[in-house]
Each structure stands twice: as structure tokens, then as C-alpha cells.
Amino acid sequence: MPRIALAWSKAPKPGSIAAQVAECLAALGAHVREHRPHDEREAWPGWLRSCDLVVHRGVRPELLRLARADPATSELPWCNSLAATLDVGDRWTLQTRLTHAGVATPSAWRHDAWSDVLECHRAPCVVKQVDGRVGRAAHVIVQRNGQLPEMPPFDGPYQVQALVPSNGLDHTLYVAGDRVFLALKQVDTEGRRSELVAVAVPDARMRDLALRVGEATGLELFNLDAIHAPDGMVVVDVNPFPGFRGIHGAAEAIASHVLRRATAVAANRMDAGR
């Protein structure tokens, strides 16, 4: 059976998606070894090179960049890939990738200085820090009345998106390989989601949208937030390896995808060694 390394940002809590995935992989017979690069002296130890796949979640960007810069680790099979994870953390890069792939997104502009944001944008909009790796929904302002603070609320560069009218529901599509799940969440007046409203089966259009986002970004385990606008679904955010909260069967789907990927790598290694 394949050897799989699970790199977590911290020790998984019982019932968390990380803990469930580890349990599912072990139950399927995979050889699993967990690693926490934030806590251990050597961020990426040599034993990783003997693994068929390295799965990571929540690892700090600087450690991912360190792995990407080192040929010994950058050439390892990663899920999600280092490049995809780091690129999606830059909101402007994400916007560009989705636009080039024909995925509908809000109109967006990039500014280095807060004064340029104030000068160019008075209509309802959403302002985000381009560096999206500070945390989900962090460093985001939703303004509906055309008034932005005179002083910068956080450091730039800034990405300004047009505020897309919606029916108040956020459609969150969770993806594990070729499996797609749908969660509906209510959006409050500040643009923050409340508790889960419902979990549903995505229709063919939503499934196609989710898989196109995966192709555009290179992600395998991710979610996307989309708004049902008058002209169709508009993608407003993408996050690598989320918590899959409330999604029944997510851990099994993730483990199945990871095992298929690792098995394929192991088979290729055996063929190359013959």
C-alpha cells in the first residue's frame, strides 16, 4: 500500500476533517505518517522523500515557500500542489486565473495605495487585501453605502471588487478530486455568513463550475464561494483544503482521492525502478 505523509499545521482535534481523513486512510490500509512542520525542528524532514504523497493543510506560507525552493521537497508529489496553494493565496493571481479560464467573477481592480482606492471607488464594493493568506474573510471590507474609511484599515496592496447583488445565500462548493458537495449559507448585511442553512446535491452546472475552478487553479482539495447573481453564478472566493464542516462523506471522499493519487505515484515509481 502507498505511503502517505499528512502535514498538519497543528495536532488534529477529534472529529476534525484532518483527524477523520487520517482515520479513513488508515482504515483503507494506507501507511500514514503525520507531521507538524510548525512544531518540529526540521520543517520538511528527509523521510518525506520516501512517501508517495504529501498532503498538507493549514501550513504557513513561508514553510510552503521553503519547500518549493528546495529541490529535494519541491519535486515530491504534493496535494494540493505547492504552486497551486501559494498562487491561490494571492487574490489578484486567483482573479486572473479564473478570468482567463472563463469563470465568472466580480469586476475587480488592483491598487497599491489606499488613496487610490478612495479616489477610484465610491460605489458599493468589496475591498480585500491582495494577500489572502491571512485567514478566511480576514482583511475584507464590504461597503454598501459608498463610504470607505479615510485611513487604511489594513496594509495593501488592495483588490477592489464590485459588489454583486444576490438573493442573500452563499453557495459553497466543496471539492475532493472529482467529488463535489454543496452547502448553502445565509449572508448577513456585513457580508459574513451565518450558520449552515442546508446541504444539497449540486446540479450539473454547479458541478461543472467547481471542476472548472479546480482546473484553473490546479487545486484538488478546495472550496469556492459563489453568489447566484442575475446573470448566473459568480465566484467570489476560493480556499485550499477547507474544514468541510457539515459535509457528510467529505472525509471518505478526500481519503479516496488521496489514496488514488498516492497509489498512482507508487505504481509509477515501481515501473521506473524496473
C-alpha atoms as a PDB file:
ATOM      1  CA  MET A   1       0.000   0.000   0.000  1.00  0.00           C
ATOM      2  CA  PRO A   2       1.184   3.578  -0.633  1.00  0.00           C
ATOM      3  CA  ARG A   3       2.955   5.691   1.969  1.00  0.00           C
ATOM      4  CA  ILE A   4       1.242   8.988   2.709  1.00  0.00           C
ATOM      5  CA  ALA A   5       2.551  11.910   4.780  1.00  0.00           C
ATOM      6  CA  LEU A   6      -0.046  14.188   6.374  1.00  0.00           C
ATOM      7  CA  ALA A   7       1.407  17.620   7.171  1.00  0.00           C
ATOM      8  CA  TRP A   8      -0.923  19.491   9.514  1.00  0.00           C
ATOM      9  CA  SER A   9      -0.465  22.953  10.993  1.00  0.00           C
ATOM     10  CA  LYS A  10      -1.373  21.582  14.429  1.00  0.00           C
ATOM     11  CA  ALA A  11      -2.456  18.372  16.096  1.00  0.00           C
ATOM     12  CA  PRO A  12      -5.895  17.490  14.679  1.00  0.00           C
ATOM     13  CA  LYS A  13      -8.782  17.672  17.113  1.00  0.00           C
ATOM     14  CA  PRO A  14     -11.010  14.591  17.353  1.00  0.00           C
ATOM     15  CA  GLY A  15     -13.766  14.876  14.761  1.00  0.00           C
ATOM     16  CA  SER A  16     -11.916  17.462  12.647  1.00  0.00           C
ATOM     17  CA  ILE A  17     -11.540  16.842   8.940  1.00  0.00           C
ATOM     18  CA  ALA A  18      -7.807  16.199   9.393  1.00  0.00           C
ATOM     19  CA  ALA A  19      -8.417  13.547  12.050  1.00  0.00           C
ATOM     20  CA  GLN A  20     -11.167  11.910  10.011  1.00  0.00           C
ATOM     21  CA  VAL A  21      -9.058  11.773   6.858  1.00  0.00           C
ATOM     22  CA  ALA A  22      -6.185  10.144   8.761  1.00  0.00           C
ATOM     23  CA  GLU A  23      -8.571   7.558  10.201  1.00  0.00           C
ATOM     24  CA  CYS A  24     -10.121   6.822   6.808  1.00  0.00           C
ATOM     25  CA  LEU A  25      -6.728   6.383   5.137  1.00  0.00           C
ATOM     26  CA  ALA A  26      -5.558   4.019   7.863  1.00  0.00           C
ATOM     27  CA  ALA A  27      -8.791   2.034   7.555  1.00  0.00           C
ATOM     28  CA  LEU A  28      -8.171   1.722   3.803  1.00  0.00           C
ATOM     29  CA  GLY A  29      -4.778   0.206   4.501  1.00  0.00           C
ATOM     30  CA  ALA A  30      -2.515   3.132   3.622  1.00  0.00           C
ATOM     31  CA  HIS A  31       0.715   3.626   5.548  1.00  0.00           C
ATOM     32  CA  VAL A  32       0.127   7.011   7.165  1.00  0.00           C
ATOM     33  CA  ARG A  33       2.633   9.177   8.989  1.00  0.00           C
ATOM     34  CA  GLU A  34       1.686  12.571  10.408  1.00  0.00           C
ATOM     35  CA  HIS A  35       3.984  15.578  10.519  1.00  0.00           C
ATOM     36  CA  ARG A  36       3.605  19.052  12.031  1.00  0.00           C
ATOM     37  CA  PRO A  37       6.175  21.367  10.416  1.00  0.00           C
ATOM     38  CA  HIS A  38       5.210  24.305  12.648  1.00  0.00           C
ATOM     39  CA  ASP A  39       6.263  22.447  15.794  1.00  0.00           C
ATOM     40  CA  GLU A  40       9.209  20.325  14.712  1.00  0.00           C
ATOM     41  CA  ARG A  41      12.800  21.455  14.356  1.00  0.00           C
ATOM     42  CA  GLU A  42      13.099  20.313  10.756  1.00  0.00           C
ATOM     43  CA  ALA A  43      10.212  21.704   8.720  1.00  0.00           C
ATOM     44  CA  TRP A  44      10.478  19.080   5.971  1.00  0.00           C
ATOM     45  CA  PRO A  45      12.429  16.024   7.198  1.00  0.00           C
ATOM     46  CA  GLY A  46      14.230  13.633   4.903  1.00  0.00           C
ATOM     47  CA  TRP A  47      11.789  10.774   5.482  1.00  0.00           C
ATOM     48  CA  LEU A  48       9.192  12.637   3.404  1.00  0.00           C
ATOM     49  CA  ARG A  49      11.148  11.638   0.288  1.00  0.00           C
ATOM     50  CA  SER A  50      10.168   8.008   0.808  1.00  0.00           C
ATOM     51  CA  CYS A  51       6.460   8.905   0.788  1.00  0.00           C
ATOM     52  CA  ASP A  52       4.278   8.539  -2.278  1.00  0.00           C
ATOM     53  CA  LEU A  53       2.260  11.674  -1.487  1.00  0.00           C
ATOM     54  CA  VAL A  54       2.427  14.607   0.934  1.00  0.00           C
ATOM     55  CA  VAL A  55      -0.967  16.010   1.919  1.00  0.00           C
ATOM     56  CA  HIS A  56      -0.936  19.346   3.735  1.00  0.00           C
ATOM     57  CA  ARG A  57      -3.458  21.645   5.387  1.00  0.00           C
ATOM     58  CA  GLY A  58      -3.036  24.986   7.145  1.00  0.00           C
ATOM     59  CA  VAL A  59       0.757  25.098   6.798  1.00  0.00           C
ATOM     60  CA  ARG A  60       2.156  28.621   6.908  1.00  0.00           C
ATOM     61  CA  PRO A  61       3.050  30.135   3.513  1.00  0.00           C
ATOM     62  CA  GLU A  62       6.685  30.706   4.478  1.00  0.00           C
ATOM     63  CA  LEU A  63       7.121  26.982   5.116  1.00  0.00           C
ATOM     64  CA  LEU A  64       5.466  26.115   1.814  1.00  0.00           C
ATOM     65  CA  ARG A  65       7.765  28.572   0.045  1.00  0.00           C
ATOM     66  CA  LEU A  66      10.730  26.938   1.795  1.00  0.00           C
ATOM     67  CA  ALA A  67       9.632  23.546   0.470  1.00  0.00           C
ATOM     68  CA  ARG A  68       9.092  24.990  -3.000  1.00  0.00           C
ATOM     69  CA  ALA A  69      12.608  26.467  -3.067  1.00  0.00           C
ATOM     70  CA  ASP A  70      14.291  23.180  -2.106  1.00  0.00           C
ATOM     71  CA  PRO A  71      14.578  20.677  -4.991  1.00  0.00           C
ATOM     72  CA  ALA A  72      14.510  17.799  -2.509  1.00  0.00           C
ATOM     73  CA  THR A  73      10.977  18.680  -1.430  1.00  0.00           C
ATOM     74  CA  SER A  74       9.596  20.683  -4.350  1.00  0.00           C
ATOM     75  CA  GLU A  75       9.804  17.606  -6.581  1.00  0.00           C
ATOM     76  CA  LEU A  76       7.748  15.490  -4.187  1.00  0.00           C
ATOM     77  CA  PRO A  77       4.110  14.768  -5.076  1.00  0.00           C
ATOM     78  CA  TRP A  78       2.011  17.236  -3.037  1.00  0.00           C
ATOM     79  CA  CYS A  79      -1.733  17.501  -2.534  1.00  0.00           C
ATOM     80  CA  ASN A  80      -2.586  20.319  -3.050  1.00  0.00           C
ATOM     81  CA  SER A  81       0.483  21.240  -5.082  1.00  0.00           C
ATOM     82  CA  LEU A  82       2.768  23.865  -3.569  1.00  0.00           C
ATOM     83  CA  ALA A  83       2.382  26.153  -6.590  1.00  0.00           C
ATOM     84  CA  ALA A  84      -1.419  25.991  -6.575  1.00  0.00           C
ATOM     85  CA  THR A  85      -1.674  26.620  -2.832  1.00  0.00           C
ATOM     86  CA  LEU A  86       0.674  29.599  -2.866  1.00  0.00           C
ATOM     87  CA  ASP A  87      -0.791  31.115  -6.034  1.00  0.00           C
ATOM     88  CA  VAL A  88      -4.375  30.963  -4.755  1.00  0.00           C
ATOM     89  CA  GLY A  89      -3.233  32.780  -1.613  1.00  0.00           C
ATOM     90  CA  ASP A  90      -2.648  35.834  -3.809  1.00  0.00           C
ATOM     91  CA  ARG A  91      -6.134  37.169  -4.537  1.00  0.00           C
ATOM     92  CA  TRP A  92      -5.093  39.020  -7.679  1.00  0.00           C
ATOM     93  CA  THR A  93      -3.412  35.932  -9.121  1.00  0.00           C
ATOM     94  CA  LEU A  94      -6.572  33.974  -8.322  1.00  0.00           C
ATOM     95  CA  GLN A  95      -8.720  36.612 -10.024  1.00  0.00           C
ATOM     96  CA  THR A  96      -6.516  36.486 -13.118  1.00  0.00           C
ATOM     97  CA  ARG A  97      -6.554  32.685 -13.314  1.00  0.00           C
ATOM     98  CA  LEU A  98     -10.331  32.478 -13.012  1.00  0.00           C
ATOM     99  CA  THR A  99     -10.911  35.238 -15.570  1.00  0.00           C
ATOM    100  CA  HIS A 100      -8.604  33.601 -18.109  1.00  0.00           C
ATOM    101  CA  ALA A 101     -10.464  30.306 -17.603  1.00  0.00           C
ATOM    102  CA  GLY A 102     -13.802  31.957 -18.354  1.00  0.00           C
ATOM    103  CA  VAL A 103     -15.095  31.640 -14.785  1.00  0.00           C
ATOM    104  CA  ALA A 104     -17.466  34.485 -13.874  1.00  0.00           C
ATOM    105  CA  THR A 105     -16.063  36.714 -11.116  1.00  0.00           C
ATOM    106  CA  PRO A 106     -16.910  40.226  -9.919  1.00  0.00           C
ATOM    107  CA  SER A 107     -15.244  43.067 -11.807  1.00  0.00           C
ATOM    108  CA  ALA A 108     -12.020  43.819  -9.959  1.00  0.00           C
ATOM    109  CA  TRP A 109      -9.250  46.405  -9.743  1.00  0.00           C
ATOM    110  CA  ARG A 110      -5.872  46.354  -8.008  1.00  0.00           C
ATOM    111  CA  HIS A 111      -4.375  49.342  -6.145  1.00  0.00           C
ATOM    112  CA  ASP A 112      -1.137  49.693  -4.252  1.00  0.00           C
ATOM    113  CA  ALA A 113      -2.187  52.729  -2.186  1.00  0.00           C
ATOM    114  CA  TRP A 114      -5.316  53.313  -0.083  1.00  0.00           C
ATOM    115  CA  SER A 115      -5.570  56.830  -1.506  1.00  0.00           C
ATOM    116  CA  ASP A 116      -6.113  55.312  -4.952  1.00  0.00           C
ATOM    117  CA  VAL A 117      -8.896  53.136  -3.578  1.00  0.00           C
ATOM    118  CA  LEU A 118     -10.631  56.222  -2.158  1.00  0.00           C
ATOM    119  CA  GLU A 119     -10.176  58.182  -5.357  1.00  0.00           C
ATOM    120  CA  CYS A 120     -11.449  55.496  -7.721  1.00  0.00           C
ATOM    121  CA  HIS A 121     -14.233  53.731  -5.809  1.00  0.00           C
ATOM    122  CA  ARG A 122     -17.349  55.288  -4.316  1.00  0.00           C
ATOM    123  CA  ALA A 123     -19.928  52.770  -5.490  1.00  0.00           C
ATOM    124  CA  PRO A 124     -20.806  49.746  -3.325  1.00  0.00           C
ATOM    125  CA  CYS A 125     -17.833  47.397  -3.384  1.00  0.00           C
ATOM    126  CA  VAL A 126     -15.756  44.849  -1.520  1.00  0.00           C
ATOM    127  CA  VAL A 127     -12.157  45.727  -0.620  1.00  0.00           C
ATOM    128  CA  LYS A 128      -9.698  42.927   0.149  1.00  0.00           C
ATOM    129  CA  GLN A 129      -6.036  42.701   0.927  1.00  0.00           C
ATOM    130  CA  VAL A 130      -4.351  41.080  -2.067  1.00  0.00           C
ATOM    131  CA  ASP A 131      -2.506  38.728   0.275  1.00  0.00           C
ATOM    132  CA  GLY A 132      -5.327  36.339   1.115  1.00  0.00           C
ATOM    133  CA  ARG A 133      -3.235  34.050   3.285  1.00  0.00           C
ATOM    134  CA  VAL A 134      -4.006  35.949   6.486  1.00  0.00           C
ATOM    135  CA  GLY A 135      -7.124  33.865   7.011  1.00  0.00           C
ATOM    136  CA  ARG A 136     -10.558  33.318   5.572  1.00  0.00           C
ATOM    137  CA  ALA A 137     -12.599  36.576   5.458  1.00  0.00           C
ATOM    138  CA  ALA A 138      -9.762  38.462   7.174  1.00  0.00           C
ATOM    139  CA  HIS A 139      -8.804  41.916   5.877  1.00  0.00           C
ATOM    140  CA  VAL A 140     -12.017  42.289   3.921  1.00  0.00           C
ATOM    141  CA  ILE A 141     -14.378  45.283   3.937  1.00  0.00           C
ATOM    142  CA  VAL A 142     -17.884  45.127   2.487  1.00  0.00           C
ATOM    143  CA  GLN A 143     -19.276  48.619   1.971  1.00  0.00           C
ATOM    144  CA  ARG A 144     -22.758  49.196   0.601  1.00  0.00           C
ATOM    145  CA  ASN A 145     -23.250  52.943   1.048  1.00  0.00           C
ATOM    146  CA  GLY A 146     -20.292  54.284  -0.932  1.00  0.00           C
ATOM    147  CA  GLN A 147     -18.367  55.291   2.193  1.00  0.00           C
ATOM    148  CA  LEU A 148     -14.904  53.881   2.889  1.00  0.00           C
ATOM    149  CA  PRO A 149     -12.738  54.820   5.898  1.00  0.00           C
ATOM    150  CA  GLU A 150     -10.291  57.642   5.279  1.00  0.00           C
ATOM    151  CA  MET A 151      -7.470  55.730   6.910  1.00  0.00           C
ATOM    152  CA  PRO A 152      -6.350  52.356   5.511  1.00  0.00           C
ATOM    153  CA  PRO A 153      -7.982  49.539   7.516  1.00  0.00           C
ATOM    154  CA  PHE A 154      -5.116  47.162   6.670  1.00  0.00           C
ATOM    155  CA  ASP A 155      -1.962  47.109   4.595  1.00  0.00           C
ATOM    156  CA  GLY A 156      -2.055  46.956   0.797  1.00  0.00           C
ATOM    157  CA  PRO A 157      -1.916  46.157  -1.993  1.00  0.00           C
ATOM    158  CA  TYR A 158      -5.713  46.214  -2.291  1.00  0.00           C
ATOM    159  CA  GLN A 159      -8.146  44.388  -4.511  1.00  0.00           C
ATOM    160  CA  VAL A 160     -11.482  46.105  -5.055  1.00  0.00           C
ATOM    161  CA  GLN A 161     -14.390  44.031  -6.334  1.00  0.00           C
ATOM    162  CA  ALA A 162     -17.786  45.202  -7.485  1.00  0.00           C
ATOM    163  CA  LEU A 163     -20.488  44.218  -5.006  1.00  0.00           C
ATOM    164  CA  VAL A 164     -22.603  41.584  -6.740  1.00  0.00           C
ATOM    165  CA  PRO A 165     -26.356  41.656  -5.996  1.00  0.00           C
ATOM    166  CA  SER A 166     -27.550  38.331  -4.639  1.00  0.00           C
ATOM    167  CA  ASN A 167     -30.501  36.609  -3.025  1.00  0.00           C
ATOM    168  CA  GLY A 168     -28.698  36.538   0.334  1.00  0.00           C
ATOM    169  CA  LEU A 169     -27.465  32.960   0.016  1.00  0.00           C
ATOM    170  CA  ASP A 170     -23.830  31.968  -0.355  1.00  0.00           C
ATOM    171  CA  HIS A 171     -23.312  28.754  -2.319  1.00  0.00           C
ATOM    172  CA  THR A 172     -20.200  26.998  -1.051  1.00  0.00           C
ATOM    173  CA  LEU A 173     -18.998  24.176  -3.267  1.00  0.00           C
ATOM    174  CA  TYR A 174     -16.583  21.736  -1.626  1.00  0.00           C
ATOM    175  CA  VAL A 175     -14.366  19.675  -3.915  1.00  0.00           C
ATOM    176  CA  ALA A 176     -12.390  16.490  -3.244  1.00  0.00           C
ATOM    177  CA  GLY A 177     -10.935  15.346  -6.550  1.00  0.00           C
ATOM    178  CA  ASP A 178     -13.970  14.671  -8.738  1.00  0.00           C
ATOM    179  CA  ARG A 179     -16.482  14.746  -5.865  1.00  0.00           C
ATOM    180  CA  VAL A 180     -18.424  17.979  -5.361  1.00  0.00           C
ATOM    181  CA  PHE A 181     -20.617  18.894  -2.366  1.00  0.00           C
ATOM    182  CA  LEU A 182     -22.873  21.942  -1.920  1.00  0.00           C
ATOM    183  CA  ALA A 183     -23.616  23.918   1.242  1.00  0.00           C
ATOM    184  CA  LEU A 184     -25.959  26.909   1.429  1.00  0.00           C
ATOM    185  CA  LYS A 185     -25.177  29.649   3.955  1.00  0.00           C
ATOM    186  CA  GLN A 186     -27.036  32.836   4.768  1.00  0.00           C
ATOM    187  CA  VAL A 187     -25.170  36.099   4.152  1.00  0.00           C
ATOM    188  CA  ASP A 188     -25.727  38.943   6.617  1.00  0.00           C
ATOM    189  CA  THR A 189     -25.589  42.671   5.842  1.00  0.00           C
ATOM    190  CA  GLU A 190     -21.836  42.788   6.559  1.00  0.00           C
ATOM    191  CA  GLY A 191     -21.059  40.065   4.062  1.00  0.00           C
ATOM    192  CA  ARG A 192     -20.329  37.475   6.742  1.00  0.00           C
ATOM    193  CA  ARG A 193     -22.003  34.067   6.575  1.00  0.00           C
ATOM    194  CA  SER A 194     -24.097  32.784   9.439  1.00  0.00           C
ATOM    195  CA  GLU A 195     -24.659  29.151  10.299  1.00  0.00           C
ATOM    196  CA  LEU A 196     -25.161  26.497   7.674  1.00  0.00           C
ATOM    197  CA  VAL A 197     -28.641  26.643   6.166  1.00  0.00           C
ATOM    198  CA  ALA A 198     -28.672  23.416   4.170  1.00  0.00           C
ATOM    199  CA  VAL A 199     -26.525  20.809   2.440  1.00  0.00           C
ATOM    200  CA  ALA A 200     -27.712  19.845  -1.022  1.00  0.00           C
ATOM    201  CA  VAL A 201     -26.658  17.914  -4.109  1.00  0.00           C
ATOM    202  CA  PRO A 202     -25.116  20.307  -6.659  1.00  0.00           C
ATOM    203  CA  ASP A 203     -26.713  20.353 -10.075  1.00  0.00           C
ATOM    204  CA  ALA A 204     -24.702  19.757 -13.251  1.00  0.00           C
ATOM    205  CA  ARG A 205     -23.959  23.484 -13.759  1.00  0.00           C
ATOM    206  CA  MET A 206     -22.573  23.891 -10.247  1.00  0.00           C
ATOM    207  CA  ARG A 207     -20.522  20.724 -10.509  1.00  0.00           C
ATOM    208  CA  ASP A 208     -19.077  21.914 -13.808  1.00  0.00           C
ATOM    209  CA  LEU A 209     -18.269  25.296 -12.259  1.00  0.00           C
ATOM    210  CA  ALA A 210     -16.442  23.666  -9.344  1.00  0.00           C
ATOM    211  CA  LEU A 211     -14.370  21.412 -11.602  1.00  0.00           C
ATOM    212  CA  ARG A 212     -13.500  24.341 -13.907  1.00  0.00           C
ATOM    213  CA  VAL A 213     -12.221  26.273 -10.896  1.00  0.00           C
ATOM    214  CA  GLY A 214     -10.106  23.253  -9.985  1.00  0.00           C
ATOM    215  CA  GLU A 215      -8.632  23.153 -13.490  1.00  0.00           C
ATOM    216  CA  ALA A 216      -7.964  26.896 -13.461  1.00  0.00           C
ATOM    217  CA  THR A 217      -6.218  26.884 -10.084  1.00  0.00           C
ATOM    218  CA  GLY A 218      -4.625  23.434 -10.037  1.00  0.00           C
ATOM    219  CA  LEU A 219      -6.274  22.634  -6.690  1.00  0.00           C
ATOM    220  CA  GLU A 220      -7.544  19.155  -5.841  1.00  0.00           C
ATOM    221  CA  LEU A 221      -8.990  19.739  -2.351  1.00  0.00           C
ATOM    222  CA  PHE A 222     -10.712  23.117  -2.027  1.00  0.00           C
ATOM    223  CA  ASN A 223     -13.913  25.058  -1.755  1.00  0.00           C
ATOM    224  CA  LEU A 224     -15.293  28.038  -3.587  1.00  0.00           C
ATOM    225  CA  ASP A 225     -17.887  30.610  -2.598  1.00  0.00           C
ATOM    226  CA  ALA A 226     -20.308  31.618  -5.332  1.00  0.00           C
ATOM    227  CA  ILE A 227     -23.237  34.032  -5.450  1.00  0.00           C
ATOM    228  CA  HIS A 228     -26.337  33.401  -7.530  1.00  0.00           C
ATOM    229  CA  ALA A 229     -26.401  36.729  -9.401  1.00  0.00           C
ATOM    230  CA  PRO A 230     -28.981  37.799 -12.022  1.00  0.00           C
ATOM    231  CA  ASP A 231     -26.735  36.586 -14.867  1.00  0.00           C
ATOM    232  CA  GLY A 232     -25.681  33.314 -13.212  1.00  0.00           C
ATOM    233  CA  MET A 233     -23.195  32.056 -10.629  1.00  0.00           C
ATOM    234  CA  VAL A 234     -20.301  34.378  -9.773  1.00  0.00           C
ATOM    235  CA  VAL A 235     -17.270  33.046  -7.877  1.00  0.00           C
ATOM    236  CA  VAL A 236     -16.110  35.406  -5.124  1.00  0.00           C
ATOM    237  CA  ASP A 237     -13.560  33.312  -3.212  1.00  0.00           C
ATOM    238  CA  VAL A 238     -11.527  30.084  -3.362  1.00  0.00           C
ATOM    239  CA  ASN A 239      -9.808  28.350  -0.432  1.00  0.00           C
ATOM    240  CA  PRO A 240      -7.445  25.345  -0.455  1.00  0.00           C
ATOM    241  CA  PHE A 241      -8.305  22.359   1.777  1.00  0.00           C
ATOM    242  CA  PRO A 242     -11.080  23.869   3.934  1.00  0.00           C
ATOM    243  CA  GLY A 243     -12.681  22.290   7.004  1.00  0.00           C
ATOM    244  CA  PHE A 244     -15.608  20.702   5.091  1.00  0.00           C
ATOM    245  CA  ARG A 245     -17.811  21.442   8.124  1.00  0.00           C
ATOM    246  CA  GLY A 246     -21.229  19.861   7.968  1.00  0.00           C
ATOM    247  CA  ILE A 247     -20.425  17.919   4.788  1.00  0.00           C
ATOM    248  CA  HIS A 248     -21.338  14.269   5.320  1.00  0.00           C
ATOM    249  CA  GLY A 249     -18.991  11.912   3.500  1.00  0.00           C
ATOM    250  CA  ALA A 250     -16.287  14.529   2.945  1.00  0.00           C
ATOM    251  CA  ALA A 251     -13.552  12.655   4.833  1.00  0.00           C
ATOM    252  CA  GLU A 252     -14.229   9.467   2.880  1.00  0.00           C
ATOM    253  CA  ALA A 253     -14.166  11.387  -0.428  1.00  0.00           C
ATOM    254  CA  ILE A 254     -10.884  13.106   0.470  1.00  0.00           C
ATOM    255  CA  ALA A 255      -9.280   9.849   1.611  1.00  0.00           C
ATOM    256  CA  SER A 256     -10.401   8.082  -1.554  1.00  0.00           C
ATOM    257  CA  HIS A 257      -8.925  10.813  -3.750  1.00  0.00           C
ATOM    258  CA  VAL A 258      -5.669  10.913  -1.785  1.00  0.00           C
ATOM    259  CA  LEU A 259      -5.322   7.139  -1.910  1.00  0.00           C
ATOM    260  CA  ARG A 260      -5.863   7.082  -5.690  1.00  0.00           C
ATOM    261  CA  ARG A 261      -3.215   9.772  -6.167  1.00  0.00           C
ATOM    262  CA  ALA A 262      -0.711   8.037  -3.897  1.00  0.00           C
ATOM    263  CA  THR A 263      -1.343   4.635  -5.479  1.00  0.00           C
ATOM    264  CA  ALA A 264      -0.694   6.067  -8.942  1.00  0.00           C
ATOM    265  CA  VAL A 265       2.578   7.625  -7.758  1.00  0.00           C
ATOM    266  CA  ALA A 266       3.667   4.350  -6.135  1.00  0.00           C
ATOM    267  CA  ALA A 267       2.884   2.423  -9.329  1.00  0.00           C
ATOM    268  CA  ASN A 268       4.887   4.873 -11.425  1.00  0.00           C
ATOM    269  CA  ARG A 269       7.826   4.553  -9.055  1.00  0.00           C
ATOM    270  CA  MET A 270       7.740   0.773  -9.349  1.00  0.00           C
ATOM    271  CA  ASP A 271       7.616   0.962 -13.155  1.00  0.00           C
ATOM    272  CA  ALA A 272      10.522   3.415 -13.195  1.00  0.00           C
ATOM    273  CA  GLY A 273      12.580   1.077 -10.992  1.00  0.00           C
ATOM    274  CA  ARG A 274      12.190  -1.937 -13.262  1.00  0.00           C
END
